[in-house]
Amino acid sequence: MKRQRAFTLIEILVAIAILAVALAATTRAANVATDGALETRQRLLATWSGEDRIAEIRARRIFPAVGEASYDVTQGGLALVIHEVVSETANPVIHKVDLAVADARDPARILTHLTAYVSP
């Protein structure tokens, strides 16, 4: 009678454990990539919103008064808050406009900062 060679139960369990670890690492990498893509999308939409506000100021020839203001905007289905701080510069006909664009669900989470200089 010839003896057949086969895998033992321990060898199969070790192979399954190695496979489980590899799959868990792959799943984690996919989640990190997905989170990174979402974060990049939100920052891009926030940057576009800030640039839109600066373009509006320049296109309408608005010379904003010194002070602070906040605007609720939506860009690409994402609700955002633009916090605008206008300050004077050494040249009285130029104002500095600082924008901080945040996620409306968490206003403390600033997605982007922009600075522009405007004149009448």
C-alpha atoms as a PDB file:
ATOM      1  CA  MET A   1       0.000   0.000   0.000  1.00  0.00           C
ATOM      2  CA  LYS A   2       1.329   3.377  -1.022  1.00  0.00           C
ATOM      3  CA  ARG A   3       1.152   6.281   1.440  1.00  0.00           C
ATOM      4  CA  GLN A   4      -0.378   9.510   0.064  1.00  0.00           C
ATOM      5  CA  ARG A   5       1.243  12.837   0.822  1.00  0.00           C
ATOM      6  CA  ALA A   6      -1.222  15.621   1.803  1.00  0.00           C
ATOM      7  CA  PHE A   7      -1.259  18.897   3.692  1.00  0.00           C
ATOM      8  CA  THR A   8      -1.728  18.671   7.424  1.00  0.00           C
ATOM      9  CA  LEU A   9      -4.343  20.665   9.267  1.00  0.00           C
ATOM     10  CA  ILE A  10      -1.654  22.897  10.808  1.00  0.00           C
ATOM     11  CA  GLU A  11      -0.187  23.716   7.386  1.00  0.00           C
ATOM     12  CA  ILE A  12      -3.638  24.692   6.104  1.00  0.00           C
ATOM     13  CA  LEU A  13      -4.321  26.871   9.168  1.00  0.00           C
ATOM     14  CA  VAL A  14      -0.963  28.642   8.770  1.00  0.00           C
ATOM     15  CA  ALA A  15      -1.716  29.316   5.093  1.00  0.00           C
ATOM     16  CA  ILE A  16      -5.145  30.719   5.973  1.00  0.00           C
ATOM     17  CA  ALA A  17      -3.616  32.938   8.679  1.00  0.00           C
ATOM     18  CA  ILE A  18      -1.050  34.323   6.205  1.00  0.00           C
ATOM     19  CA  LEU A  19      -3.808  34.957   3.675  1.00  0.00           C
ATOM     20  CA  ALA A  20      -5.936  36.738   6.320  1.00  0.00           C
ATOM     21  CA  VAL A  21      -3.052  39.051   7.262  1.00  0.00           C
ATOM     22  CA  ALA A  22      -2.403  39.870   3.599  1.00  0.00           C
ATOM     23  CA  LEU A  23      -6.081  40.634   2.977  1.00  0.00           C
ATOM     24  CA  ALA A  24      -6.281  42.815   6.082  1.00  0.00           C
ATOM     25  CA  ALA A  25      -3.256  44.828   4.915  1.00  0.00           C
ATOM     26  CA  THR A  26      -4.780  45.234   1.455  1.00  0.00           C
ATOM     27  CA  THR A  27      -8.084  46.420   2.936  1.00  0.00           C
ATOM     28  CA  ARG A  28      -6.276  48.940   5.149  1.00  0.00           C
ATOM     29  CA  ALA A  29      -4.318  50.290   2.170  1.00  0.00           C
ATOM     30  CA  ALA A  30      -7.529  50.668   0.158  1.00  0.00           C
ATOM     31  CA  ASN A  31      -9.192  52.552   3.038  1.00  0.00           C
ATOM     32  CA  VAL A  32      -6.227  54.916   3.368  1.00  0.00           C
ATOM     33  CA  ALA A  33      -6.292  55.611  -0.374  1.00  0.00           C
ATOM     34  CA  THR A  34     -10.040  56.283  -0.281  1.00  0.00           C
ATOM     35  CA  ASP A  35      -9.704  58.644   2.696  1.00  0.00           C
ATOM     36  CA  GLY A  36      -6.879  60.486   0.937  1.00  0.00           C
ATOM     37  CA  ALA A  37      -8.954  60.928  -2.208  1.00  0.00           C
ATOM     38  CA  LEU A  38     -11.892  62.279  -0.190  1.00  0.00           C
ATOM     39  CA  GLU A  39      -9.641  64.729   1.671  1.00  0.00           C
ATOM     40  CA  THR A  40      -8.084  65.908  -1.605  1.00  0.00           C
ATOM     41  CA  ARG A  41     -11.551  66.433  -3.126  1.00  0.00           C
ATOM     42  CA  GLN A  42     -12.724  68.479  -0.126  1.00  0.00           C
ATOM     43  CA  ARG A  43      -9.602  70.654  -0.164  1.00  0.00           C
ATOM     44  CA  LEU A  44      -9.950  71.223  -3.910  1.00  0.00           C
ATOM     45  CA  LEU A  45     -13.604  72.268  -3.548  1.00  0.00           C
ATOM     46  CA  ALA A  46     -12.663  74.576  -0.657  1.00  0.00           C
ATOM     47  CA  THR A  47      -9.914  76.183  -2.750  1.00  0.00           C
ATOM     48  CA  TRP A  48     -12.337  76.727  -5.623  1.00  0.00           C
ATOM     49  CA  SER A  49     -14.823  78.373  -3.252  1.00  0.00           C
ATOM     50  CA  GLY A  50     -12.170  80.733  -1.900  1.00  0.00           C
ATOM     51  CA  GLU A  51     -10.984  81.587  -5.403  1.00  0.00           C
ATOM     52  CA  ASP A  52     -14.607  82.201  -6.429  1.00  0.00           C
ATOM     53  CA  ARG A  53     -14.977  84.732  -3.583  1.00  0.00           C
ATOM     54  CA  ILE A  54     -11.784  86.539  -4.600  1.00  0.00           C
ATOM     55  CA  ALA A  55     -12.893  86.559  -8.251  1.00  0.00           C
ATOM     56  CA  GLU A  56     -16.274  87.982  -7.187  1.00  0.00           C
ATOM     57  CA  ILE A  57     -14.598  90.798  -5.236  1.00  0.00           C
ATOM     58  CA  ARG A  58     -12.437  91.688  -8.228  1.00  0.00           C
ATOM     59  CA  ALA A  59     -15.153  91.287 -10.874  1.00  0.00           C
ATOM     60  CA  ARG A  60     -17.652  93.455  -9.002  1.00  0.00           C
ATOM     61  CA  ARG A  61     -14.908  95.911  -8.069  1.00  0.00           C
ATOM     62  CA  ILE A  62     -15.816  95.568  -4.401  1.00  0.00           C
ATOM     63  CA  PHE A  63     -13.451  97.339  -2.034  1.00  0.00           C
ATOM     64  CA  PRO A  64     -14.278  95.449   1.144  1.00  0.00           C
ATOM     65  CA  ALA A  65     -14.301  97.337   4.422  1.00  0.00           C
ATOM     66  CA  VAL A  66     -11.804  96.385   7.094  1.00  0.00           C
ATOM     67  CA  GLY A  67     -13.316  93.727   9.338  1.00  0.00           C
ATOM     68  CA  GLU A  68     -14.527  90.162   9.380  1.00  0.00           C
ATOM     69  CA  ALA A  69     -17.380  88.358   7.648  1.00  0.00           C
ATOM     70  CA  SER A  70     -18.522  84.780   7.109  1.00  0.00           C
ATOM     71  CA  TYR A  71     -20.301  83.259   4.128  1.00  0.00           C
ATOM     72  CA  ASP A  72     -22.032  79.910   3.726  1.00  0.00           C
ATOM     73  CA  VAL A  73     -21.391  78.385   0.307  1.00  0.00           C
ATOM     74  CA  THR A  74     -21.872  75.061  -1.419  1.00  0.00           C
ATOM     75  CA  GLN A  75     -19.383  73.717  -3.922  1.00  0.00           C
ATOM     76  CA  GLY A  76     -19.799  70.325  -5.568  1.00  0.00           C
ATOM     77  CA  GLY A  77     -22.411  69.311  -3.007  1.00  0.00           C
ATOM     78  CA  LEU A  78     -20.088  70.131  -0.090  1.00  0.00           C
ATOM     79  CA  ALA A  79     -21.311  72.732   2.418  1.00  0.00           C
ATOM     80  CA  LEU A  80     -18.524  75.157   3.328  1.00  0.00           C
ATOM     81  CA  VAL A  81     -18.023  78.287   5.425  1.00  0.00           C
ATOM     82  CA  ILE A  82     -15.753  81.078   4.223  1.00  0.00           C
ATOM     83  CA  HIS A  83     -14.348  83.274   6.990  1.00  0.00           C
ATOM     84  CA  GLU A  84     -13.082  86.527   5.469  1.00  0.00           C
ATOM     85  CA  VAL A  85     -10.740  88.915   7.277  1.00  0.00           C
ATOM     86  CA  VAL A  86     -10.020  92.233   5.565  1.00  0.00           C
ATOM     87  CA  SER A  87      -7.149  94.349   6.860  1.00  0.00           C
ATOM     88  CA  GLU A  88      -5.374  97.515   5.810  1.00  0.00           C
ATOM     89  CA  THR A  89      -1.936  97.579   4.234  1.00  0.00           C
ATOM     90  CA  ALA A  90       0.752 100.263   4.181  1.00  0.00           C
ATOM     91  CA  ASN A  91      -0.879 101.552   0.999  1.00  0.00           C
ATOM     92  CA  PRO A  92      -4.343 102.960   1.859  1.00  0.00           C
ATOM     93  CA  VAL A  93      -5.795 101.999  -1.541  1.00  0.00           C
ATOM     94  CA  ILE A  94      -4.954  98.333  -1.116  1.00  0.00           C
ATOM     95  CA  HIS A  95      -6.624  95.955   1.336  1.00  0.00           C
ATOM     96  CA  LYS A  96      -5.466  92.497   2.269  1.00  0.00           C
ATOM     97  CA  VAL A  97      -8.174  89.816   2.167  1.00  0.00           C
ATOM     98  CA  ASP A  98      -7.493  86.600   4.076  1.00  0.00           C
ATOM     99  CA  LEU A  99      -9.893  83.721   3.538  1.00  0.00           C
ATOM    100  CA  ALA A 100     -10.155  80.568   5.625  1.00  0.00           C
ATOM    101  CA  VAL A 101     -12.476  77.980   4.101  1.00  0.00           C
ATOM    102  CA  ALA A 102     -13.827  75.320   6.453  1.00  0.00           C
ATOM    103  CA  ASP A 103     -16.170  72.359   6.349  1.00  0.00           C
ATOM    104  CA  ALA A 104     -19.627  73.593   7.442  1.00  0.00           C
ATOM    105  CA  ARG A 105     -20.157  70.447   9.540  1.00  0.00           C
ATOM    106  CA  ASP A 106     -16.952  71.169  11.480  1.00  0.00           C
ATOM    107  CA  PRO A 107     -16.024  74.878  11.194  1.00  0.00           C
ATOM    108  CA  ALA A 108     -12.843  74.317  13.226  1.00  0.00           C
ATOM    109  CA  ARG A 109     -11.528  72.106  10.394  1.00  0.00           C
ATOM    110  CA  ILE A 110      -9.961  74.610   8.004  1.00  0.00           C
ATOM    111  CA  LEU A 111      -9.535  73.075   4.559  1.00  0.00           C
ATOM    112  CA  THR A 112      -7.607  75.916   2.921  1.00  0.00           C
ATOM    113  CA  HIS A 113      -6.304  79.453   3.424  1.00  0.00           C
ATOM    114  CA  LEU A 114      -6.065  82.063   0.680  1.00  0.00           C
ATOM    115  CA  THR A 115      -4.764  85.621   0.648  1.00  0.00           C
ATOM    116  CA  ALA A 116      -5.461  88.301  -1.923  1.00  0.00           C
ATOM    117  CA  TYR A 117      -4.780  92.020  -2.244  1.00  0.00           C
ATOM    118  CA  VAL A 118      -7.531  94.183  -3.730  1.00  0.00           C
ATOM    119  CA  SER A 119      -7.922  97.798  -4.683  1.00  0.00           C
ATOM    120  CA  PRO A 120     -10.930  99.817  -5.809  1.00  0.00           C
END
